[in-house]
Amino acid sequence: MNQSLRIWLDAARPKTLPLALVSILTGSVLAYSFGQFSPVIALLSFVTATLLQILSNLANDYGDAVKGTDNDKRLGPIRAMQSGAVSAQAMKRAIVFNIILTMISGLCLVFYALSSPQSILAFIGLGVLAIFAAIAYTMGSKPYGYVGLGDLSVFIFFGLLGVSGTYFLHTGHLDTALLLPSLGCGLLAVAVLNINNMRDIENDAACGKRTVAVRLGQQRAKQYHFALLGGALMAFASYLLLQPSSIWLCLPFLLSLIVLFNHGKAVWQTEKPAQIAPMMPVVVKCSLVTNILFATVVVAQTLVS
């Protein structure tokens, strides 16, 4: 593979992309369960969410490098600007280019899915807000990720808005039943961020990045992580059990209990931040597996109802 392409592929952090896709999957499957699903809307939603996640990753690479948070004491993978492989100017251009692609994809999605002027304007506003949130996490003079608001932002955009927004694009309306799956998606997304922040807890504290993990400390951050995993599991399971179909159809979802418990146990047994580093791809996979199992059961319940 071309070296330049490899550098930019690494900068996009493809291992984190499932984080953006699971909320789209969940929202689309829920729309299907209510008899309203569009493959085109699902595809455009996947593309837009992927571009937003890449934008967030590029902006994070730039912001942390400029502020000196990405340094030789950091435990995570070496970033593009940190290594010197990408200049600040080149990263800025990549961010602008990604914003343009995201806007094009988002506008195609909105105008294809919606007909009401009010709905179109509302989703354009949400799109602008999502782009701002992706950039302002670590970029700018007052990045909200440096004061511990990253968890809230992730919960909103990868949970509440990700699931309910996708559902609305398919169906044209909202439903209170979306709350539980939205909570599940959001809490698992926050769990991914929490692992990232637990890994970097010492370096972030030294650099003035006051994440939730830094504010809690390593031990309480572990407890917080367990609460996130348990809350997500309960939210998804509650939704499935509230459906009128046979409870036996929910049995495959029990696999997620094993997956999440094993991950939570491994995190609990760590003693140093360095031991958290290998957990990052694991928690992403846990989120992906849990959401896929949930989606599978929802489809099964729909088919037999």
Protein backbone atom coordinates (compact mmCIF):
# COMPACT_ATOMS: atom_id res chain seq x y z
CA MET A 1 0.00 0.00 0.00
CA ASN A 2 1.17 3.54 -0.80
CA GLN A 3 2.87 5.03 2.27
CA SER A 4 0.90 8.28 2.10
CA LEU A 5 -2.38 6.38 1.85
CA ARG A 6 -1.39 4.25 4.84
CA ILE A 7 -0.66 7.37 6.90
CA TRP A 8 -4.05 8.90 6.16
CA LEU A 9 -5.84 5.60 6.69
CA ASP A 10 -4.25 5.35 10.14
CA ALA A 11 -5.19 8.97 10.85
CA ALA A 12 -8.83 8.13 10.06
CA ARG A 13 -8.64 5.41 12.78
CA PRO A 14 -10.76 2.76 11.01
CA LYS A 15 -10.98 0.65 14.18
CA THR A 16 -13.20 3.34 15.73
CA LEU A 17 -15.66 3.53 12.83
CA PRO A 18 -18.04 0.86 14.19
CA LEU A 19 -18.74 3.33 16.99
CA ALA A 20 -20.56 5.57 14.51
CA LEU A 21 -22.21 2.77 12.56
CA VAL A 22 -23.95 0.92 15.39
CA SER A 23 -26.38 3.73 16.16
CA ILE A 24 -27.34 3.87 12.47
CA LEU A 25 -27.79 0.09 12.45
CA THR A 26 -29.98 0.20 15.56
CA GLY A 27 -32.12 3.10 14.32
CA SER A 28 -32.59 1.45 10.92
CA VAL A 29 -33.54 -1.92 12.42
CA LEU A 30 -36.06 -0.26 14.72
CA ALA A 31 -37.58 1.50 11.70
CA TYR A 32 -37.77 -1.89 9.96
CA SER A 33 -39.57 -3.34 12.98
CA PHE A 34 -42.24 -0.66 12.53
CA GLY A 35 -42.60 -1.50 8.84
CA GLN A 36 -40.73 1.51 7.47
CA PHE A 37 -37.22 0.98 6.13
CA SER A 38 -35.34 2.48 3.18
CA PRO A 39 -32.04 0.92 2.03
CA VAL A 40 -31.01 4.23 0.45
CA ILE A 41 -31.59 6.15 3.69
CA ALA A 42 -29.68 3.49 5.62
CA LEU A 43 -26.74 3.67 3.18
CA LEU A 44 -26.59 7.48 3.18
CA SER A 45 -26.83 7.48 6.98
CA PHE A 46 -23.92 5.03 7.21
CA VAL A 47 -21.80 7.17 4.88
CA THR A 48 -22.59 10.41 6.73
CA ALA A 49 -21.94 8.88 10.15
CA THR A 50 -18.64 7.41 8.94
CA LEU A 51 -17.50 10.78 7.59
CA LEU A 52 -18.45 12.47 10.88
CA GLN A 53 -16.44 9.90 12.84
CA ILE A 54 -13.42 10.40 10.58
CA LEU A 55 -13.80 14.16 10.97
CA SER A 56 -13.79 13.77 14.74
CA ASN A 57 -10.67 11.59 14.57
CA LEU A 58 -8.78 14.03 12.34
CA ALA A 59 -9.78 17.00 14.50
CA ASN A 60 -8.73 15.09 17.61
CA ASP A 61 -5.36 14.31 16.02
CA TYR A 62 -4.83 17.99 15.26
CA GLY A 63 -6.15 19.40 18.54
CA ASP A 64 -4.21 17.10 20.86
CA ALA A 65 -1.01 17.50 18.83
CA VAL A 66 -1.18 21.30 18.87
CA LYS A 67 -1.87 21.36 22.61
CA GLY A 68 0.96 18.93 23.34
CA THR A 69 -1.33 16.26 24.79
CA ASP A 70 -0.14 13.74 22.20
CA ASN A 71 3.45 13.33 23.39
CA ASP A 72 5.99 10.60 24.05
CA LYS A 73 4.40 9.87 27.45
CA ARG A 74 1.04 8.99 25.93
CA LEU A 75 0.23 5.26 25.96
CA GLY A 76 -1.99 5.02 22.89
CA PRO A 77 -1.01 4.57 19.23
CA ILE A 78 1.23 7.29 17.80
CA ARG A 79 -0.91 9.78 15.89
CA ALA A 80 -0.23 11.24 12.45
CA MET A 81 0.75 14.75 13.55
CA GLN A 82 2.46 13.50 16.69
CA SER A 83 4.79 11.35 14.59
CA GLY A 84 5.52 14.17 12.15
CA ALA A 85 4.12 12.17 9.24
CA VAL A 86 1.45 14.84 8.65
CA SER A 87 1.97 18.58 9.01
CA ALA A 88 -0.49 20.86 10.77
CA GLN A 89 -1.33 22.53 7.46
CA ALA A 90 -2.00 19.21 5.74
CA MET A 91 -4.24 18.10 8.61
CA LYS A 92 -6.21 21.35 8.40
CA ARG A 93 -6.76 20.77 4.68
CA ALA A 94 -7.89 17.21 5.36
CA ILE A 95 -10.34 18.45 7.99
CA VAL A 96 -11.82 21.04 5.60
CA PHE A 97 -12.08 18.44 2.82
CA ASN A 98 -13.82 16.04 5.19
CA ILE A 99 -16.27 18.73 6.30
CA ILE A 100 -17.21 19.32 2.65
CA LEU A 101 -17.75 15.59 2.05
CA THR A 102 -19.80 15.31 5.24
CA MET A 103 -22.01 18.24 4.23
CA ILE A 104 -22.60 16.81 0.76
CA SER A 105 -23.48 13.39 2.13
CA GLY A 106 -25.65 14.86 4.88
CA LEU A 107 -27.58 17.11 2.50
CA CYS A 108 -28.18 14.22 0.10
CA LEU A 109 -29.53 12.21 3.03
CA VAL A 110 -31.79 14.97 4.34
CA PHE A 111 -33.28 15.95 0.98
CA TYR A 112 -33.83 12.32 -0.01
CA ALA A 113 -35.46 11.29 3.27
CA LEU A 114 -37.50 14.36 4.19
CA SER A 115 -40.10 16.53 2.48
CA SER A 116 -41.23 18.86 5.26
CA PRO A 117 -39.32 22.20 5.24
CA GLN A 118 -39.37 22.23 9.05
CA SER A 119 -37.85 18.75 9.26
CA ILE A 120 -35.24 19.57 6.63
CA LEU A 121 -34.16 22.73 8.46
CA ALA A 122 -34.10 20.89 11.79
CA PHE A 123 -31.83 18.15 10.44
CA ILE A 124 -29.56 20.63 8.69
CA GLY A 125 -29.22 22.37 12.05
CA LEU A 126 -28.44 19.07 13.76
CA GLY A 127 -25.88 18.32 11.06
CA VAL A 128 -24.11 21.63 11.62
CA LEU A 129 -24.16 20.96 15.36
CA ALA A 130 -22.68 17.48 14.81
CA ILE A 131 -19.85 18.92 12.70
CA PHE A 132 -19.16 21.55 15.34
CA ALA A 133 -19.15 18.90 18.08
CA ALA A 134 -16.71 16.74 16.12
CA ILE A 135 -14.29 19.65 15.72
CA ALA A 136 -14.67 21.41 19.08
CA TYR A 137 -13.91 18.29 21.13
CA THR A 138 -10.18 19.05 21.10
CA MET A 139 -9.78 22.00 18.70
CA GLY A 140 -10.13 25.69 19.49
CA SER A 141 -9.25 27.81 22.50
CA LYS A 142 -11.80 26.11 24.78
CA PRO A 143 -12.27 22.49 23.65
CA TYR A 144 -15.07 20.84 25.59
CA GLY A 145 -13.20 17.53 25.75
CA TYR A 146 -10.66 19.20 28.03
CA VAL A 147 -13.28 20.01 30.67
CA GLY A 148 -14.90 16.58 30.85
CA LEU A 149 -17.88 17.10 28.53
CA GLY A 150 -16.82 14.51 25.97
CA ASP A 151 -18.86 11.76 27.60
CA LEU A 152 -22.05 13.81 27.42
CA SER A 153 -21.44 14.72 23.78
CA VAL A 154 -20.78 11.10 22.81
CA PHE A 155 -23.90 9.95 24.66
CA ILE A 156 -26.05 12.49 22.83
CA PHE A 157 -24.66 12.10 19.31
CA PHE A 158 -23.91 8.37 19.28
CA GLY A 159 -26.96 7.44 21.34
CA LEU A 160 -29.99 9.71 21.53
CA LEU A 161 -29.56 11.57 18.24
CA GLY A 162 -27.89 8.73 16.36
CA VAL A 163 -30.67 6.22 16.96
CA SER A 164 -33.72 8.50 17.07
CA GLY A 165 -32.45 10.65 14.18
CA THR A 166 -31.95 7.61 11.96
CA TYR A 167 -35.37 6.28 12.90
CA PHE A 168 -36.98 9.64 12.06
CA LEU A 169 -35.29 9.75 8.66
CA HIS A 170 -36.83 6.36 7.84
CA THR A 171 -40.28 6.95 9.32
CA GLY A 172 -40.90 10.69 9.57
CA HIS A 173 -41.85 10.51 13.25
CA LEU A 174 -40.46 9.66 16.69
CA ASP A 175 -41.58 7.09 19.25
CA THR A 176 -41.03 6.84 23.00
CA ALA A 177 -39.97 3.22 22.44
CA LEU A 178 -36.71 4.58 21.00
CA LEU A 179 -35.52 5.75 24.41
CA LEU A 180 -34.22 2.40 25.69
CA PRO A 181 -32.22 1.42 22.56
CA SER A 182 -30.89 4.98 22.36
CA LEU A 183 -29.71 4.72 25.96
CA GLY A 184 -28.03 1.39 25.22
CA CYS A 185 -26.17 2.73 22.18
CA GLY A 186 -25.16 5.91 23.95
CA LEU A 187 -23.84 4.19 27.08
CA LEU A 188 -21.72 1.76 25.05
CA ALA A 189 -20.30 4.64 23.03
CA VAL A 190 -19.36 6.41 26.27
CA ALA A 191 -17.74 3.17 27.46
CA VAL A 192 -15.45 3.28 24.41
CA LEU A 193 -14.45 6.85 25.23
CA ASN A 194 -13.95 5.94 28.88
CA ILE A 195 -11.45 3.21 27.98
CA ASN A 196 -9.58 5.75 25.86
CA ASN A 197 -9.56 8.21 28.76
CA MET A 198 -8.58 5.60 31.36
CA ARG A 199 -5.63 4.62 29.19
CA ASP A 200 -4.48 8.24 28.92
CA ILE A 201 -5.43 9.26 32.47
CA GLU A 202 -1.92 10.11 33.70
CA ASN A 203 -0.82 12.01 30.61
CA ASP A 204 -4.16 13.82 30.29
CA ALA A 205 -3.95 14.94 33.92
CA ALA A 206 -0.41 16.22 33.39
CA CYS A 207 -1.49 18.15 30.28
CA GLY A 208 -4.57 19.71 31.88
CA LYS A 209 -7.10 17.58 30.00
CA ARG A 210 -9.77 17.05 32.69
CA THR A 211 -11.71 14.12 31.27
CA VAL A 212 -14.30 12.29 33.35
CA ALA A 213 -11.71 9.57 34.00
CA VAL A 214 -9.21 12.15 35.26
CA ARG A 215 -11.84 13.72 37.51
CA LEU A 216 -12.91 10.34 38.91
CA GLY A 217 -9.51 8.75 39.27
CA GLN A 218 -8.57 5.28 38.02
CA GLN A 219 -10.53 3.23 40.56
CA ARG A 220 -13.80 5.14 40.32
CA ALA A 221 -13.41 5.27 36.53
CA LYS A 222 -13.51 1.46 36.63
CA GLN A 223 -16.75 1.60 38.61
CA TYR A 224 -18.10 4.13 36.12
CA HIS A 225 -17.17 1.75 33.29
CA PHE A 226 -19.05 -1.12 34.91
CA ALA A 227 -22.09 1.14 35.31
CA LEU A 228 -21.95 2.07 31.61
CA LEU A 229 -21.78 -1.56 30.51
CA GLY A 230 -24.51 -2.66 32.93
CA GLY A 231 -26.77 0.24 32.03
CA ALA A 232 -26.44 -0.48 28.31
CA LEU A 233 -27.20 -4.16 28.81
CA MET A 234 -30.28 -3.38 30.91
CA ALA A 235 -31.57 -0.81 28.41
CA PHE A 236 -31.32 -3.17 25.44
CA ALA A 237 -32.69 -6.16 27.36
CA SER A 238 -35.62 -4.15 28.73
CA TYR A 239 -36.67 -3.09 25.24
CA LEU A 240 -36.56 -6.68 23.95
CA LEU A 241 -38.47 -8.08 26.93
CA LEU A 242 -41.19 -5.45 26.57
CA GLN A 243 -42.04 -6.66 23.07
CA PRO A 244 -45.11 -8.92 22.67
CA SER A 245 -43.20 -11.78 20.99
CA SER A 246 -41.95 -14.92 22.76
CA ILE A 247 -39.28 -14.39 25.40
CA TRP A 248 -37.32 -17.27 23.89
CA LEU A 249 -36.43 -15.10 20.91
CA CYS A 250 -34.42 -12.93 23.30
CA LEU A 251 -32.06 -15.75 24.28
CA PRO A 252 -29.35 -14.95 21.67
CA PHE A 253 -28.96 -11.53 23.29
CA LEU A 254 -27.64 -13.27 26.42
CA LEU A 255 -24.36 -13.68 24.54
CA SER A 256 -23.84 -9.94 25.00
CA LEU A 257 -23.96 -10.46 28.77
CA ILE A 258 -20.98 -12.82 28.49
CA VAL A 259 -19.09 -10.47 26.17
CA LEU A 260 -19.65 -7.37 28.31
CA PHE A 261 -19.01 -9.16 31.60
CA ASN A 262 -15.69 -10.59 30.40
CA HIS A 263 -14.61 -7.16 29.19
CA GLY A 264 -15.71 -5.47 32.41
CA LYS A 265 -13.91 -8.08 34.50
CA ALA A 266 -10.70 -7.59 32.50
CA VAL A 267 -10.89 -3.82 33.02
CA TRP A 268 -11.59 -4.24 36.73
CA GLN A 269 -8.49 -6.41 37.17
CA THR A 270 -6.12 -3.86 35.64
CA GLU A 271 -3.79 -2.02 37.98
CA LYS A 272 -1.99 0.39 35.64
CA PRO A 273 -3.15 2.58 32.74
CA ALA A 274 -0.76 0.71 30.44
CA GLN A 275 -2.86 -2.42 30.96
CA ILE A 276 -5.90 -0.56 29.64
CA ALA A 277 -4.31 0.13 26.23
CA PRO A 278 -5.14 -3.30 24.69
CA MET A 279 -8.76 -2.90 25.81
CA MET A 280 -9.59 -0.24 23.20
CA PRO A 281 -10.28 -2.54 20.23
CA VAL A 282 -11.98 -4.97 22.63
CA VAL A 283 -14.57 -2.47 23.88
CA VAL A 284 -15.31 -1.38 20.29
CA LYS A 285 -15.95 -5.02 19.39
CA CYS A 286 -18.12 -5.43 22.49
CA SER A 287 -20.25 -2.49 21.38
CA LEU A 288 -20.51 -3.85 17.85
CA VAL A 289 -21.40 -7.39 18.96
CA THR A 290 -24.00 -6.17 21.47
CA ASN A 291 -25.71 -3.93 18.93
CA ILE A 292 -25.68 -6.66 16.26
CA LEU A 293 -27.21 -9.16 18.70
CA PHE A 294 -29.86 -6.61 19.64
CA ALA A 295 -30.61 -5.89 15.98
CA THR A 296 -30.81 -9.62 15.20
CA VAL A 297 -33.35 -10.23 17.95
CA VAL A 298 -35.43 -7.21 16.86
CA VAL A 299 -35.53 -8.53 13.29
CA ALA A 300 -36.49 -12.01 14.56
CA GLN A 301 -39.28 -10.54 16.70
CA THR A 302 -40.54 -8.57 13.71
CA LEU A 303 -40.58 -11.57 11.38
CA VAL A 304 -42.58 -13.78 13.75
CA SER A 305 -45.05 -11.10 14.85
